C-alpha atoms as a PDB file:
ATOM      1  CA  MET A   1      -5.704 -19.051   3.321  1.00  0.00           C
ATOM      2  CA  TYR A   2      -2.013 -17.317   3.075  1.00  0.00           C
ATOM      3  CA  ILE A   3      -1.395 -13.902   1.430  1.00  0.00           C
ATOM      4  CA  ALA A   4       2.538 -12.765  -0.186  1.00  0.00           C
ATOM      5  CA  ILE A   5       3.324  -9.581  -0.578  1.00  0.00           C
ATOM      6  CA  LEU A   6       5.500 -10.110  -4.490  1.00  0.00           C
ATOM      7  CA  GLY A   7       9.052  -8.526  -4.720  1.00  0.00           C
ATOM      8  CA  ARG A   8       9.739  -6.294  -7.890  1.00  0.00           C
ATOM      9  CA  GLN A   9       8.972  -8.873  -9.826  1.00  0.00           C
ATOM     10  CA  PRO A  10       5.431  -9.628  -9.186  1.00  0.00           C
ATOM     11  CA  ALA A  11       4.809 -12.030 -12.369  1.00  0.00           C
ATOM     12  CA  LEU A  12       7.819 -14.823 -11.415  1.00  0.00           C
ATOM     13  CA  GLY A  13       6.940 -14.237  -7.140  1.00  0.00           C
ATOM     14  CA  VAL A  14       3.296 -15.604  -8.618  1.00  0.00           C
ATOM     15  CA  ALA A  15       5.219 -18.274 -10.891  1.00  0.00           C
ATOM     16  CA  GLU A  16       6.980 -19.369  -8.336  1.00  0.00           C
ATOM     17  CA  LEU A  17       4.058 -20.049  -6.183  1.00  0.00           C
ATOM     18  CA  GLU A  18       2.410 -22.122  -8.341  1.00  0.00           C
ATOM     19  CA  CYS A  19       5.578 -24.369  -8.970  1.00  0.00           C
ATOM     20  CA  LEU A  20       5.341 -24.781  -4.681  1.00  0.00           C
ATOM     21  CA  TYR A  21       1.486 -24.746  -4.301  1.00  0.00           C
ATOM     22  CA  GLY A  22      -0.191 -25.469  -7.256  1.00  0.00           C
ATOM     23  CA  ALA A  23      -1.821 -23.209 -10.675  1.00  0.00           C
ATOM     24  CA  ALA A  24      -4.832 -23.578  -9.066  1.00  0.00           C
ATOM     25  CA  ALA A  25      -4.393 -22.605  -5.440  1.00  0.00           C
ATOM     26  CA  VAL A  26      -2.688 -19.250  -5.695  1.00  0.00           C
ATOM     27  CA  ARG A  27      -4.940 -15.971  -7.208  1.00  0.00           C
ATOM     28  CA  TRP A  28      -3.520 -12.577  -8.038  1.00  0.00           C
ATOM     29  CA  PHE A  29      -4.913 -10.341  -4.958  1.00  0.00           C
ATOM     30  CA  GLY A  30      -3.598  -6.695  -6.363  1.00  0.00           C
ATOM     31  CA  ALA A  31      -0.949  -5.588  -8.345  1.00  0.00           C
ATOM     32  CA  GLN A  32       1.608  -6.844  -6.191  1.00  0.00           C
ATOM     33  CA  ALA A  33       0.305  -9.775  -4.128  1.00  0.00           C
ATOM     34  CA  ALA A  34      -1.412 -13.060  -3.987  1.00  0.00           C
ATOM     35  CA  THR A  35      -3.064 -15.342  -2.007  1.00  0.00           C
ATOM     36  CA  ILE A  36      -2.367 -18.599  -1.486  1.00  0.00           C
ATOM     37  CA  THR A  37      -5.077 -21.656  -0.141  1.00  0.00           C
ATOM     38  CA  SER A  38      -3.025 -24.361   1.619  1.00  0.00           C
ATOM     39  CA  ASP A  39      -2.873 -25.614   4.381  1.00  0.00           C
ATOM     40  CA  THR A  40       0.583 -25.103   5.276  1.00  0.00           C
ATOM     41  CA  PHE A  41       2.919 -22.504   4.220  1.00  0.00           C
ATOM     42  CA  ALA A  42       7.174 -21.851   3.893  1.00  0.00           C
ATOM     43  CA  PHE A  43       8.123 -18.663   3.724  1.00  0.00           C
ATOM     44  CA  GLU A  44      12.034 -19.915   3.376  1.00  0.00           C
ATOM     45  CA  ARG A  45      11.666 -21.330   0.300  1.00  0.00           C
ATOM     46  CA  LEU A  46      10.296 -18.594  -1.693  1.00  0.00           C
ATOM     47  CA  GLY A  47      12.733 -15.582  -3.272  1.00  0.00           C
ATOM     48  CA  GLY A  48      10.352 -13.876  -5.054  1.00  0.00           C
ATOM     49  CA  SER A  49       8.078 -12.266  -1.800  1.00  0.00           C
ATOM     50  CA  GLN A  50       9.083  -9.966   0.758  1.00  0.00           C
ATOM     51  CA  LYS A  51       6.032 -10.966   3.096  1.00  0.00           C
ATOM     52  CA  ALA A  52       4.123 -13.402   4.196  1.00  0.00           C
ATOM     53  CA  GLY A  53       1.313 -13.918   6.679  1.00  0.00           C
ATOM     54  CA  ARG A  54      -2.169 -15.983   7.060  1.00  0.00           C
ATOM     55  CA  VAL A  55      -5.014 -14.186   6.521  1.00  0.00           C
ATOM     56  CA  VAL A  56      -7.250 -14.136   9.660  1.00  0.00           C
ATOM     57  CA  LEU A  57      -9.720 -11.747   8.370  1.00  0.00           C
ATOM     58  CA  GLU A  58     -10.812 -10.158   5.520  1.00  0.00           C
ATOM     59  CA  LEU A  59     -12.537  -7.083   5.890  1.00  0.00           C
ATOM     60  CA  ARG A  60     -13.765  -3.494   4.201  1.00  0.00           C
ATOM     61  CA  GLY A  61     -14.754  -0.084   4.793  1.00  0.00           C
ATOM     62  CA  THR A  62     -12.384   3.301   5.842  1.00  0.00           C
ATOM     63  CA  TRP A  63      -9.085   2.478   7.986  1.00  0.00           C
ATOM     64  CA  LEU A  64     -11.261   3.802  11.140  1.00  0.00           C
ATOM     65  CA  ALA A  65     -13.868   0.785  10.323  1.00  0.00           C
ATOM     66  CA  VAL A  66     -11.370  -1.756   9.620  1.00  0.00           C
ATOM     67  CA  SER A  67      -8.361  -0.729  12.795  1.00  0.00           C
ATOM     68  CA  ARG A  68     -11.750  -0.981  14.852  1.00  0.00           C
ATOM     69  CA  GLN A  69     -12.865  -4.246  13.910  1.00  0.00           C
ATOM     70  CA  ILE A  70      -8.905  -5.481  14.248  1.00  0.00           C
ATOM     71  CA  ALA A  71      -8.983  -4.077  17.509  1.00  0.00           C
ATOM     72  CA  ARG A  72     -12.396  -5.851  18.693  1.00  0.00           C
ATOM     73  CA  HIS A  73     -11.789  -9.559  17.278  1.00  0.00           C
ATOM     74  CA  TYR A  74      -7.615  -9.469  18.617  1.00  0.00           C
ATOM     75  CA  SER A  75      -9.174  -8.061  22.499  1.00  0.00           C
ATOM     76  CA  ALA A  76     -11.459 -10.748  22.420  1.00  0.00           C
ATOM     77  CA  GLN A  77      -8.898 -13.862  20.941  1.00  0.00           C
ATOM     78  CA  TRP A  78      -6.088 -13.038  23.283  1.00  0.00           C
ATOM     79  CA  GLN A  79      -8.000 -11.138  26.593  1.00  0.00           C
ATOM     80  CA  SER A  80      -6.750 -14.264  28.694  1.00  0.00           C
ATOM     81  CA  ALA A  81      -3.705 -14.801  27.185  1.00  0.00           C
ATOM     82  CA  PRO A  82      -0.983 -15.988  29.576  1.00  0.00           C
ATOM     83  CA  HIS A  83       2.103 -14.609  27.464  1.00  0.00           C
ATOM     84  CA  LYS A  84       3.131 -12.043  25.242  1.00  0.00           C
ATOM     85  CA  ILE A  85       2.165 -11.561  21.762  1.00  0.00           C
ATOM     86  CA  THR A  86       3.788 -10.618  18.856  1.00  0.00           C
ATOM     87  CA  LEU A  87       1.514  -8.494  16.795  1.00  0.00           C
ATOM     88  CA  GLY A  88       2.255  -7.401  13.002  1.00  0.00           C
ATOM     89  CA  ILE A  89       0.040  -5.225  11.334  1.00  0.00           C
ATOM     90  CA  SER A  90       0.420  -3.890   7.352  1.00  0.00           C
ATOM     91  CA  ALA A  91      -2.144  -1.984   5.572  1.00  0.00           C
ATOM     92  CA  TYR A  92      -1.595  -1.581   2.140  1.00  0.00           C
ATOM     93  CA  GLY A  93      -4.689  -0.220  -0.218  1.00  0.00           C
ATOM     94  CA  PHE A  94      -5.460   2.401   2.067  1.00  0.00           C
ATOM     95  CA  SER A  95      -5.041   5.966   2.963  1.00  0.00           C
ATOM     96  CA  ALA A  96      -3.808   5.202   6.558  1.00  0.00           C
ATOM     97  CA  THR A  97      -0.629   6.744   7.997  1.00  0.00           C
ATOM     98  CA  ALA A  98       2.243   4.558   9.332  1.00  0.00           C
ATOM     99  CA  ARG A  99       0.893   6.667  12.813  1.00  0.00           C
ATOM    100  CA  GLU A 100      -2.128   5.482  12.002  1.00  0.00           C
ATOM    101  CA  VAL A 101      -1.699   2.106  11.919  1.00  0.00           C
ATOM    102  CA  GLN A 102       0.543   1.799  14.543  1.00  0.00           C
ATOM    103  CA  LYS A 103      -1.602   3.256  16.913  1.00  0.00           C
ATOM    104  CA  THR A 104      -3.985   0.443  15.948  1.00  0.00           C
ATOM    105  CA  GLY A 105      -1.488  -2.126  17.588  1.00  0.00           C
ATOM    106  CA  LEU A 106      -1.034   0.111  19.952  1.00  0.00           C
ATOM    107  CA  ILE A 107      -4.586  -0.024  21.127  1.00  0.00           C
ATOM    108  CA  LEU A 108      -4.441  -4.268  21.539  1.00  0.00           C
END
């Protein structure tokens, strides 16, 4: 599953996603995002989405609790990685500050 953060006209972004992936594969996720159920995702084909990524975890709770779960998950997965890893973290729907989100990334 993938998630797309939609642009200034979210309904058009969803219509575009539905044309590419089929209406059954696209679901609204809040007012500014949509999830896409697909094995592949071609962000470069989209004009109505600002960001997109693969969904790796679905978590609930406060930012502090979610942050800890993210750190545990990725620390376990990447502990023996032989190369540098780039990770982007965005927090939508939380009252977390940019500094708190950045702190989660630095912990990793």
